[in-house]
Structure formats: C-alpha cells, structure tokens
Protein backbone atom coordinates (compact mmCIF):
# COMPACT_ATOMS: atom_id res chain seq x y z
CA PRO A 1 119.25 24.75 101.86
CA ASP A 2 118.90 24.95 105.79
CA VAL A 3 121.13 28.26 105.96
CA ARG A 4 118.72 31.28 107.57
CA SER A 5 118.40 34.06 105.12
CA GLY A 6 116.22 37.30 105.31
CA GLU A 7 114.26 37.61 108.56
CA ALA A 8 114.52 34.43 109.49
CA PHE A 9 118.18 34.50 109.73
CA LEU A 10 117.85 38.36 111.34
CA SER A 11 115.07 37.01 114.02
CA HIS A 12 117.17 34.38 115.28
CA ALA A 13 120.08 36.13 115.43
CA LEU A 14 118.46 39.16 117.63
CA ARG A 15 117.10 36.23 119.99
CA ALA A 16 120.73 35.03 119.99
CA VAL A 17 121.82 38.39 121.17
CA GLU A 18 119.26 39.65 123.21
CA SER A 19 120.55 39.19 126.57
CA SER A 20 124.50 40.42 125.64
CA PRO A 21 125.18 43.75 127.08
CA ALA A 22 127.30 43.69 123.70
CA PHE A 23 127.41 42.29 120.50
CA GLY A 24 128.69 43.10 116.97
CA VAL A 25 127.62 42.58 113.45
CA LEU A 26 129.61 42.01 110.48
CA ALA A 27 127.79 42.90 107.08
CA LEU A 28 129.64 41.18 104.22
CA GLN A 29 129.53 41.29 101.04
CA ILE A 30 131.27 39.58 98.02
CA ASP A 31 133.15 41.35 95.50
CA ALA A 32 132.28 41.63 91.83
CA PRO A 33 134.94 40.18 89.88
CA VAL A 34 137.50 42.23 88.45
CA GLU A 35 137.62 42.54 84.94
CA THR A 36 140.74 39.65 84.39
CA ASP A 37 138.25 37.13 86.12
CA LEU A 38 135.74 37.69 83.97
CA ALA A 39 137.45 35.81 81.35
CA ASP A 40 138.65 33.03 83.92
CA GLU A 41 136.15 30.46 83.56
CA ALA A 42 137.66 28.30 86.60
CA ILE A 43 135.97 31.07 88.94
CA ASP A 44 132.13 31.33 88.78
CA ASP A 45 129.58 32.79 91.02
CA ASN A 46 128.67 29.95 92.51
CA GLY A 47 131.98 29.07 93.55
CA SER A 48 132.48 32.19 94.93
CA VAL A 49 128.96 31.91 97.11
CA GLN A 50 129.76 28.66 98.26
CA ALA A 51 133.94 29.49 99.39
CA VAL A 52 132.50 32.60 101.65
CA ILE A 53 129.62 30.11 103.21
CA GLN A 54 132.32 27.64 104.17
CA THR A 55 134.77 30.33 105.65
CA LEU A 56 131.72 32.33 107.74
CA ASP A 57 130.87 29.06 108.78
CA GLU A 58 134.40 27.99 109.96
CA VAL A 59 134.77 31.34 111.39
CA CYS A 60 131.58 31.68 113.06
CA ASP A 61 132.13 27.80 114.92
CA ARG A 62 135.49 28.89 116.18
CA HIS A 63 134.08 32.72 118.01
CA ASP A 64 130.84 31.67 118.70
CA GLY A 65 129.37 33.85 116.15
CA ILE A 66 125.65 33.55 114.03
CA TRP A 67 125.54 34.05 110.19
CA GLY A 68 122.86 34.16 107.83
CA GLY A 69 121.89 35.33 104.33
CA ILE A 70 120.69 39.13 103.53
CA ASP A 71 120.42 38.68 99.95
CA HIS A 72 122.55 36.62 96.88
CA ARG A 73 125.93 38.23 97.48
CA LEU A 74 125.25 40.01 100.99
CA PHE A 75 126.22 38.14 104.40
CA GLY A 76 125.70 39.20 108.04
CA CYS A 77 127.00 37.92 111.12
CA TYR A 78 126.42 38.29 114.69
CA PHE A 79 128.89 38.22 117.53
CA ALA A 80 127.62 38.20 121.11
CA ASN A 81 129.94 39.86 123.46
CA LYS A 82 132.50 41.70 121.27
CA ASP A 83 133.91 44.79 121.07
CA GLU A 84 134.48 46.27 118.00
CA LYS A 85 138.24 45.53 118.07
CA THR A 86 137.27 41.59 118.23
CA CYS A 87 135.37 42.24 115.39
CA LEU A 88 137.72 43.73 113.36
CA GLU A 89 140.14 41.40 113.78
CA ILE A 90 137.63 38.66 113.22
CA SER A 91 136.60 40.18 110.00
CA GLU A 92 140.59 40.27 109.07
CA VAL A 93 140.19 36.29 109.97
CA ILE A 94 137.44 36.26 107.50
CA LYS A 95 139.14 37.56 104.67
CA GLN A 96 142.81 35.82 105.36
CA THR A 97 140.70 32.65 105.36
CA LEU A 98 138.96 32.88 102.33
CA SER A 99 141.57 34.03 100.30
CA THR A 100 142.89 30.33 100.28
CA HIS A 101 139.86 29.18 99.20
CA SER A 102 138.86 31.70 96.45
CA ARG A 103 140.37 34.17 94.46
CA ARG A 104 136.82 36.66 94.91
CA THR A 105 137.32 39.49 97.70
CA VAL A 106 135.21 40.12 100.24
CA THR A 107 133.79 44.15 101.59
CA ILE A 108 133.26 44.20 105.03
CA GLY A 109 131.03 46.67 107.04
CA VAL A 110 131.31 46.62 110.98
CA ALA A 111 129.58 48.19 113.53
CA VAL A 112 128.54 47.56 117.56
CA PHE A 113 125.92 47.75 120.19
CA PRO A 114 125.89 49.89 122.67
CA VAL A 115 126.24 52.95 119.97
CA LEU A 116 124.15 56.26 120.73
CA ASP A 117 120.55 55.22 120.84
CA PHE A 118 120.48 53.10 118.63
CA THR A 119 118.33 49.61 119.04
CA MET A 120 119.31 46.19 119.06
CA ASP A 121 117.48 45.85 115.61
CA GLN A 122 118.94 48.80 114.11
CA ILE A 123 122.86 47.28 114.78
CA LEU A 124 122.53 45.72 111.28
CA GLY A 125 121.66 48.58 109.38
CA ASN A 126 124.49 50.63 110.64
CA ALA A 127 126.68 47.60 110.10
CA LEU A 128 125.49 48.00 105.68
CA LYS A 129 125.71 51.84 106.62
CA ALA A 130 129.65 50.83 107.06
CA LEU A 131 129.99 48.83 104.26
CA ASP A 132 128.65 51.51 101.83
CA HIS A 133 131.29 53.38 103.24
CA ALA A 134 133.59 50.75 102.59
CA THR A 135 132.85 50.52 98.79
CA PHE A 136 134.70 54.24 98.62
CA PHE A 137 137.40 52.39 99.28
CA GLY A 138 137.23 49.45 96.26
CA HIS A 139 137.38 46.22 96.27
CA ASP A 140 138.35 44.14 100.04
CA SER A 141 138.08 47.04 102.15
CA LEU A 142 137.07 46.68 106.06
CA VAL A 143 135.56 49.56 107.64
CA PRO A 144 133.82 50.39 111.09
CA PHE A 145 130.61 52.14 111.51
CA ASP A 146 131.64 55.61 112.26
CA ALA A 147 130.60 59.23 111.80
CA VAL A 148 131.74 59.14 107.78
CA SER A 149 128.93 56.05 107.31
CA LEU A 150 126.51 58.44 108.79
CA ASN A 151 127.81 61.36 106.81
CA ILE A 152 127.46 59.38 103.53
CA SER A 153 124.13 58.00 104.58
CA GLY A 154 122.68 61.37 104.95
CA ASP A 155 123.87 62.06 101.63
CA ARG A 156 122.36 59.63 100.18
CA LEU A 157 118.83 60.42 101.78
CA TYR A 158 119.37 63.59 100.53
CA GLU A 159 119.65 62.81 97.06
CA ARG A 160 116.82 60.54 97.44
CA GLY A 161 114.80 63.95 98.54
CA ASP A 162 113.89 62.79 102.02
CA VAL A 163 115.60 65.97 103.53
CA GLN A 164 114.33 65.79 107.25
CA SER A 165 116.08 61.83 107.29
CA ALA A 166 119.20 63.28 106.31
CA ILE A 167 119.44 66.03 108.95
CA ASP A 168 118.81 63.05 111.54
CA GLU A 169 121.74 61.34 110.12
CA PHE A 170 124.18 64.12 110.22
CA ASN A 171 122.82 64.81 113.81
CA LYS A 172 124.01 61.81 114.62
CA GLY A 173 127.29 61.36 113.13
CA LEU A 174 127.62 65.15 114.87
CA LEU A 175 127.70 63.08 118.32
CA LEU A 176 129.54 60.41 116.88
CA ASP A 177 132.46 63.42 115.98
CA PRO A 178 131.46 66.77 116.75
CA ALA A 179 134.53 68.23 114.69
CA ASP A 180 133.66 66.70 111.23
CA THR A 181 133.19 70.00 109.41
CA ASN A 182 132.07 67.95 106.17
CA ILE A 183 129.00 66.94 108.22
CA HIS A 184 128.53 70.37 109.36
CA ASN A 185 128.11 71.55 106.29
CA SER A 186 126.07 69.02 104.70
CA LEU A 187 123.67 69.53 107.92
CA GLY A 188 123.80 73.26 106.83
CA VAL A 189 122.82 72.61 103.14
CA CYS A 190 119.88 70.75 104.65
CA TYR A 191 118.75 73.37 106.85
CA GLY A 192 119.13 75.99 103.84
CA VAL A 193 116.86 74.11 101.65
CA LEU A 194 114.51 73.67 103.83
CA GLY A 195 114.29 77.83 104.33
CA ASP A 196 116.05 77.56 108.38
CA LEU A 197 118.28 79.69 107.18
CA GLN A 198 119.44 81.04 110.90
CA GLN A 199 120.70 76.96 111.01
CA ALA A 200 121.79 76.57 108.30
CA LEU A 201 124.34 79.72 109.20
CA ASP A 202 124.47 78.52 112.57
CA ALA A 203 126.38 74.93 110.70
CA PHE A 204 128.82 77.04 108.11
CA ASN A 205 129.92 78.76 111.18
CA ALA A 206 130.76 75.87 113.42
CA VAL A 207 132.27 74.89 110.05
CA ILE A 208 134.78 77.88 110.22
CA GLU A 209 135.03 77.85 113.84
CA ILE A 210 136.95 74.57 113.49
CA ASP A 211 138.64 75.13 110.60
CA SER A 212 139.17 78.90 109.90
CA SER A 213 140.61 78.08 106.20
CA ASP A 214 137.48 75.86 105.17
CA ALA A 215 136.33 77.87 101.55
CA LEU A 216 133.22 76.15 100.78
CA ALA A 217 131.97 76.75 104.59
CA ILE A 218 132.90 80.55 103.84
CA TYR A 219 130.80 80.45 100.83
CA ASN A 220 127.61 78.90 101.95
CA ALA A 221 127.75 81.63 104.29
CA GLY A 222 127.63 83.87 102.52
CA LEU A 223 125.02 82.36 100.27
CA THR A 224 123.23 82.23 103.36
CA SER A 225 123.45 85.92 104.71
CA THR A 226 122.90 87.45 101.32
CA LEU A 227 119.06 85.00 102.12
CA THR A 228 118.68 87.03 105.63
CA GLY A 229 119.78 90.20 103.59
CA ASP A 230 122.42 90.27 105.75
CA ARG A 231 124.49 91.86 102.79
CA ASP A 232 127.31 93.49 104.79
CA ALA A 233 127.93 89.58 106.52
CA ALA A 234 127.37 88.37 102.71
CA LEU A 235 129.65 90.35 101.52
CA GLU A 236 132.72 90.02 104.37
CA TYR A 237 132.10 85.97 103.80
CA PHE A 238 132.11 86.58 99.79
CA ARG A 239 135.55 88.29 99.38
CA LYS A 240 137.42 85.85 102.24
CA ALA A 241 135.67 83.10 99.87
CA ALA A 242 137.34 85.18 96.83
CA ASP A 243 140.90 85.13 97.73
CA ARG A 244 140.41 80.58 98.04
CA PRO A 245 141.31 79.17 94.72
CA GLU A 246 137.77 76.61 95.42
CA THR A 247 135.12 79.14 95.68
CA GLY A 248 137.17 82.05 93.53
CA PHE A 249 135.20 82.27 90.92
CA GLU A 250 131.82 81.64 92.35
CA ALA A 251 132.77 84.45 95.64
CA ALA A 252 134.12 86.58 92.66
CA ILE A 253 130.88 87.28 91.15
CA GLN A 254 128.62 87.16 94.15
CA THR A 255 130.82 90.20 95.65
CA GLY A 256 130.01 91.61 92.42
CA ARG A 257 126.47 91.20 91.85
CA LEU A 258 125.82 92.07 95.30
CA TYR A 259 128.19 95.22 94.95
CA LEU A 260 126.00 96.08 91.46
CA GLY A 261 122.83 95.61 94.18
CA GLU A 262 124.03 98.56 96.01
CA ASN A 263 125.03 100.78 93.04
CA ALA A 264 128.83 100.94 93.38
CA PRO A 265 129.85 99.44 90.40
CA GLU A 266 133.48 100.70 90.59
CA LYS A 267 133.68 98.24 94.00
CA ALA A 268 131.94 95.70 91.85
CA ARG A 269 134.44 95.91 88.75
CA PRO A 270 137.32 94.23 89.80
CA TYR A 271 135.58 90.93 91.50
CA ILE A 272 133.59 90.28 88.48
CA GLU A 273 136.24 90.90 85.77
CA LYS A 274 138.00 88.54 88.43
CA ALA A 275 135.67 86.04 87.66
CA ALA A 276 135.57 86.08 84.19
CA GLU A 277 139.31 85.82 83.80
CA LEU A 278 139.00 82.73 86.07
CA ARG A 279 136.37 81.27 83.96
CA PRO A 280 136.27 82.51 80.70
CA GLU A 281 133.65 79.88 79.49
CA SER A 282 130.86 81.77 82.29
CA CYS A 283 127.89 83.29 80.21
CA ALA A 284 127.23 84.76 83.69
CA ALA A 285 130.22 86.34 84.23
CA TYR A 286 130.43 88.38 80.83
CA SER A 287 126.38 88.90 81.14
CA SER A 288 127.44 90.48 85.05
CA LEU A 289 130.29 92.39 83.36
CA GLY A 290 128.06 93.81 80.62
CA GLU A 291 126.11 95.02 83.33
CA CYS A 292 128.73 96.82 85.64
CA TYR A 293 130.34 97.96 82.22
CA THR A 294 127.23 99.67 81.55
CA ALA A 295 126.43 101.16 85.09
CA LEU A 296 130.11 102.71 84.89
CA GLY A 297 129.40 104.44 81.40
CA MET A 298 131.82 102.17 79.08
CA THR A 299 129.21 101.67 76.41
CA THR A 300 131.76 100.03 74.08
CA GLU A 301 133.13 97.42 76.58
CA ALA A 302 129.46 96.87 77.86
CA VAL A 303 128.52 95.55 74.80
CA THR A 304 131.87 93.51 74.03
CA ALA A 305 130.84 91.91 77.04
CA TYR A 306 127.07 90.76 75.93
CA LYS A 307 128.19 89.36 73.00
CA LYS A 308 130.53 87.12 74.64
CA ALA A 309 127.90 86.35 76.87
CA ILE A 310 125.42 85.73 74.12
CA ARG A 311 128.15 83.87 72.04
CA LEU A 312 128.30 81.34 75.38
CA ASN A 313 124.55 81.22 75.58
CA ALA A 314 122.28 82.46 72.98
CA ASN A 315 119.18 82.47 75.52
CA ASP A 316 120.91 84.38 78.80
CA ALA A 317 118.04 86.51 78.75
CA ALA A 318 120.08 89.53 80.69
CA ALA A 319 122.68 89.78 78.32
CA LEU A 320 119.88 89.87 75.42
CA SER A 321 117.95 92.33 77.38
CA GLY A 322 121.14 94.43 78.05
CA LEU A 323 122.53 94.63 74.62
CA GLY A 324 119.34 95.16 73.24
CA TRP A 325 119.14 98.08 75.20
CA LEU A 326 122.62 99.75 75.07
CA TYR A 327 121.33 99.23 70.43
CA ASN A 328 118.30 101.52 71.38
CA ALA A 329 120.61 103.59 73.68
CA GLN A 330 122.70 104.07 70.48
CA ARG A 331 120.08 104.64 68.13
CA LYS A 332 121.63 101.54 66.03
CA ASN A 333 120.73 98.34 64.77
CA PRO A 334 116.89 99.41 66.14
CA GLU A 335 115.27 96.12 64.98
CA ILE A 336 118.00 93.82 66.21
CA ALA A 337 117.55 95.71 69.79
CA ALA A 338 113.79 95.23 69.64
CA LEU A 339 114.57 92.00 68.81
CA PHE A 340 116.85 91.36 71.50
CA CYS A 341 114.70 92.91 74.22
CA ARG A 342 111.65 90.80 72.51
CA GLN A 343 113.68 86.95 73.08
CA SER A 344 114.83 88.56 76.75
CA VAL A 345 111.01 88.87 77.97
CA GLU A 346 109.99 86.00 76.16
CA ILE A 347 112.99 84.09 78.53
CA ALA A 348 112.22 85.73 81.34
CA PRO A 349 108.53 87.39 81.39
CA ASP A 350 108.73 87.52 85.19
CA ASN A 351 111.52 89.90 85.42
CA GLY A 352 110.20 93.88 85.41
CA LEU A 353 113.72 95.48 84.66
CA PHE A 354 113.28 93.35 80.86
CA ARG A 355 109.74 93.94 80.90
CA GLN A 356 110.13 98.25 81.23
CA ARG A 357 113.29 98.26 78.56
CA LEU A 358 111.28 96.51 76.48
CA GLY A 359 108.30 99.18 76.90
CA ARG A 360 110.28 102.09 76.51
CA LEU A 361 111.78 101.21 73.27
CA TYR A 362 108.17 100.60 72.21
CA LEU A 363 107.67 104.33 73.45
CA ASP A 364 110.31 105.39 71.30
CA GLU A 365 108.96 103.29 67.98
CA ASP A 366 105.52 105.92 69.37
CA ARG A 367 103.99 102.04 69.63
CA PHE A 368 101.93 103.40 73.03
CA HIS A 369 99.63 100.51 73.49
CA ASP A 370 102.15 98.40 73.30
CA ALA A 371 104.54 100.12 75.54
CA LEU A 372 101.50 100.76 77.88
CA SER A 373 101.12 96.78 77.95
CA GLU A 374 104.53 96.01 79.04
CA LEU A 375 105.17 99.44 81.18
CA ASN A 376 101.90 97.82 83.44
CA LYS A 377 103.03 94.46 83.65
CA ALA A 378 106.65 96.01 84.94
CA ALA A 379 104.85 97.92 87.42
CA GLU A 380 103.22 94.82 88.95
CA LEU A 381 106.25 92.95 88.94
CA GLY A 382 107.68 95.77 91.02
CA CYS A 383 109.69 97.47 88.72
CA ASP A 384 108.82 101.32 88.77
CA SER A 385 107.98 102.56 85.54
CA ALA A 386 105.15 105.26 86.48
CA LYS A 387 106.47 108.16 84.66
CA TYR A 388 106.98 106.16 81.17
CA ILE A 389 103.33 104.75 81.86
CA GLU A 390 102.36 108.43 82.70
CA LYS A 391 104.12 109.32 79.02
CA ALA A 392 102.42 106.22 77.58
CA ASN A 393 98.97 107.53 78.61
CA LEU A 394 99.47 111.32 77.75
CA TYR A 395 100.06 110.13 74.26
CA ILE A 396 97.10 107.87 73.97
CA SER A 397 95.13 110.88 75.24
CA GLU A 398 96.49 113.49 73.38
CA ASN A 399 96.35 112.00 69.91
CA GLY A 400 92.70 110.00 70.68
CA LEU A 401 94.64 106.54 70.41
C-alpha cells in the first residue's frame, strides 16, 4: 500500500535525482506467462508481481535506487550518479535475483541522463522506448536506449499518422547514429508523405552514400525522382534496383512504365516481361504488358496479356479498356468491346484515355451524342480529343441530329 506509483512515483524520483549530474532509469515489464506456465497453477500473476517488488526492493536498497509502479506489470527504477554500463549491470542483477524467487522473466529498457537535449523528465520515456525495442527480442531481454529505439518509436508515430513527430524522432536517432540507413530511409518516406520531395531524395541519397547496395533506398530514390519529373534520374535508379532481388519486380515494372511514357515500347518490353516473370500473379504486370504489346503492334500477344490481367483482377480498368479497344479495332466481339470500355470508365471515371476510347467506339456505332459526351469529358480530363469531337459535331450537324 505504501508503494509510490504513477505521478506520485515520478515526482518523487525526479526530486531525488534533480541535483545529480547524471542518472539512469530502468523501465521493467513483467513478461506474460508462456503457454506452459498457463497450465501451472502454482505460478500466479500476484505472485509474480510480489516477486518483482521484493527483488526491486533488495536491489534498490543495495544501489541507492528508487523504484515505483507505472502500471500493474510495469515498474520504473531511478539510480542517481549511474552511467549506462552500471545500469545494465544492475539490470542483470535484477534478472538474476528474480530468477531465484520466481519462474517469471522480465524485459528491461535502460536510459540515462544526460543524452542529446532530452530533459530529466523525458528519460523515463526513453527507457520505455528502449523497453519497446527490447520486446522485439522476446521475453527476458535487456536493451539500452539507442538510435534503433528512436527508429522504432518513430515508426509507431508514423503508423498513428503523426508524421511530423515521427520525423523528430528519426532526426534525434540520426544524432545518435548518423550512419543508420534504416532511419534515413524512414525519414525519406516521411518527407515523401509530406510532399517535401527534395528532402526525401536527400534522405534516400544519404543511404546510398553509406551503402551503395541498399536496394530499397535506390528504388525509393527512383520513385521520388519520378514525382519530381526527373525521368532520366528515375530510370537510372530503377535500372539499378531492377537487378536486386528485394526490389526487382517493382523496379522492373516502374522502368517499363517510364519507357512506355516516353513512347519507347521496345525499351519497355524486356523490363515488363521480367516483371511478369518475377511475379506471374501480378495483374499490373500483365496489364502493362498488354499496353506494351499494343504499342508494338503485337495484337495477339496484347490480347493474351490483357486477358490474364482481367483473370487476376476483373476490375482492372486499364486492362478492360485496352482489351475492349483491341476488340473494337479488330471488329470482333463488338458487344464485349463496348462492355469492357464502359466498365473501365465506370471504374476509373477520371481517366481521359478510357473515356476517349469509349467515345471513339460510340462514333464507330453511330452513337454521336453519346460519343460527344464522352469525348468532351475526355478533353476536360486532359486527353486531346479535338479531332474526334469535330468529327462527332460534323455528323450531328450534317444529319440534323
């Protein structure tokens, strides 16, 4: 009953160390019972807590520490004038002493003051971040606060949508370890999400300078360069990433798409074929392959590729539009051609090309008003349809429709 917990413990502990030039903090969590322990009625939760309390009392008495509760299974310890090495040694003593009283294990995170610009009242938070880091290694683990702890903390913040706070954590992590490539990569992703593409590219290039073989950073730099409009740089990055197994598929398909955008289907072909070979279950690969084969005049191969894409994803708008347009060009399956083109527009109403194809198909069917409606929408979406609009208007005018 007289054990301090919560804010009362934290206030008491900070008063005790406020005049110390240095101190250490332990965040200690009682590990959940393993499956075999659940069947052992001799080991109960209250007994585990009591064993930890007794152990902390004994160890803190010997090392002039202050301990208290944070919640039911989580405890904190403050040790004035102790460095990280000493705090880690004390943590090992706690673990060894506890093992003589209980079969339960504990996981411990350790943090010390001073470090960077963290204030005294933030050190327990750092110890908790180290504890979160330690949980990655399983029960009975012990980890000191470091750059990886901040990387994990930043990842948690990013997952919750607090991107700016994640950036702050990653930048602090880099102060502890400027060569941590994972943090640089994470920082680049955050800047990309915020639309700061130059900062994102700088972060990915920092990784490449540290480790020129980091495939993820090379691929991310390629994506960022694509967004900045630097297609030459993007191609260079993607070609490098395409040779790496970790990013081979994504880089190959991105390289192919860039070449298609440059009206160079002959250059795109080997990359998109490689993507389809690496991931035969990918709808995007076969849809892109259909587009590539169409541009190369390989109609039979394009139809086959589009059919595979639709089998993999019946709602792939690009494959539906591409296959419908090929059927229309071949003058076969007109009803299916119209159906596919309509479906593509329903799925992706803001795609100007899909609307233009549907409008041209309506022109071929002498459905001039329907054609004009789709072609005008295509033009509004940036797809040049002026000559087809003129054609539709001419038919309507000449025939008094």
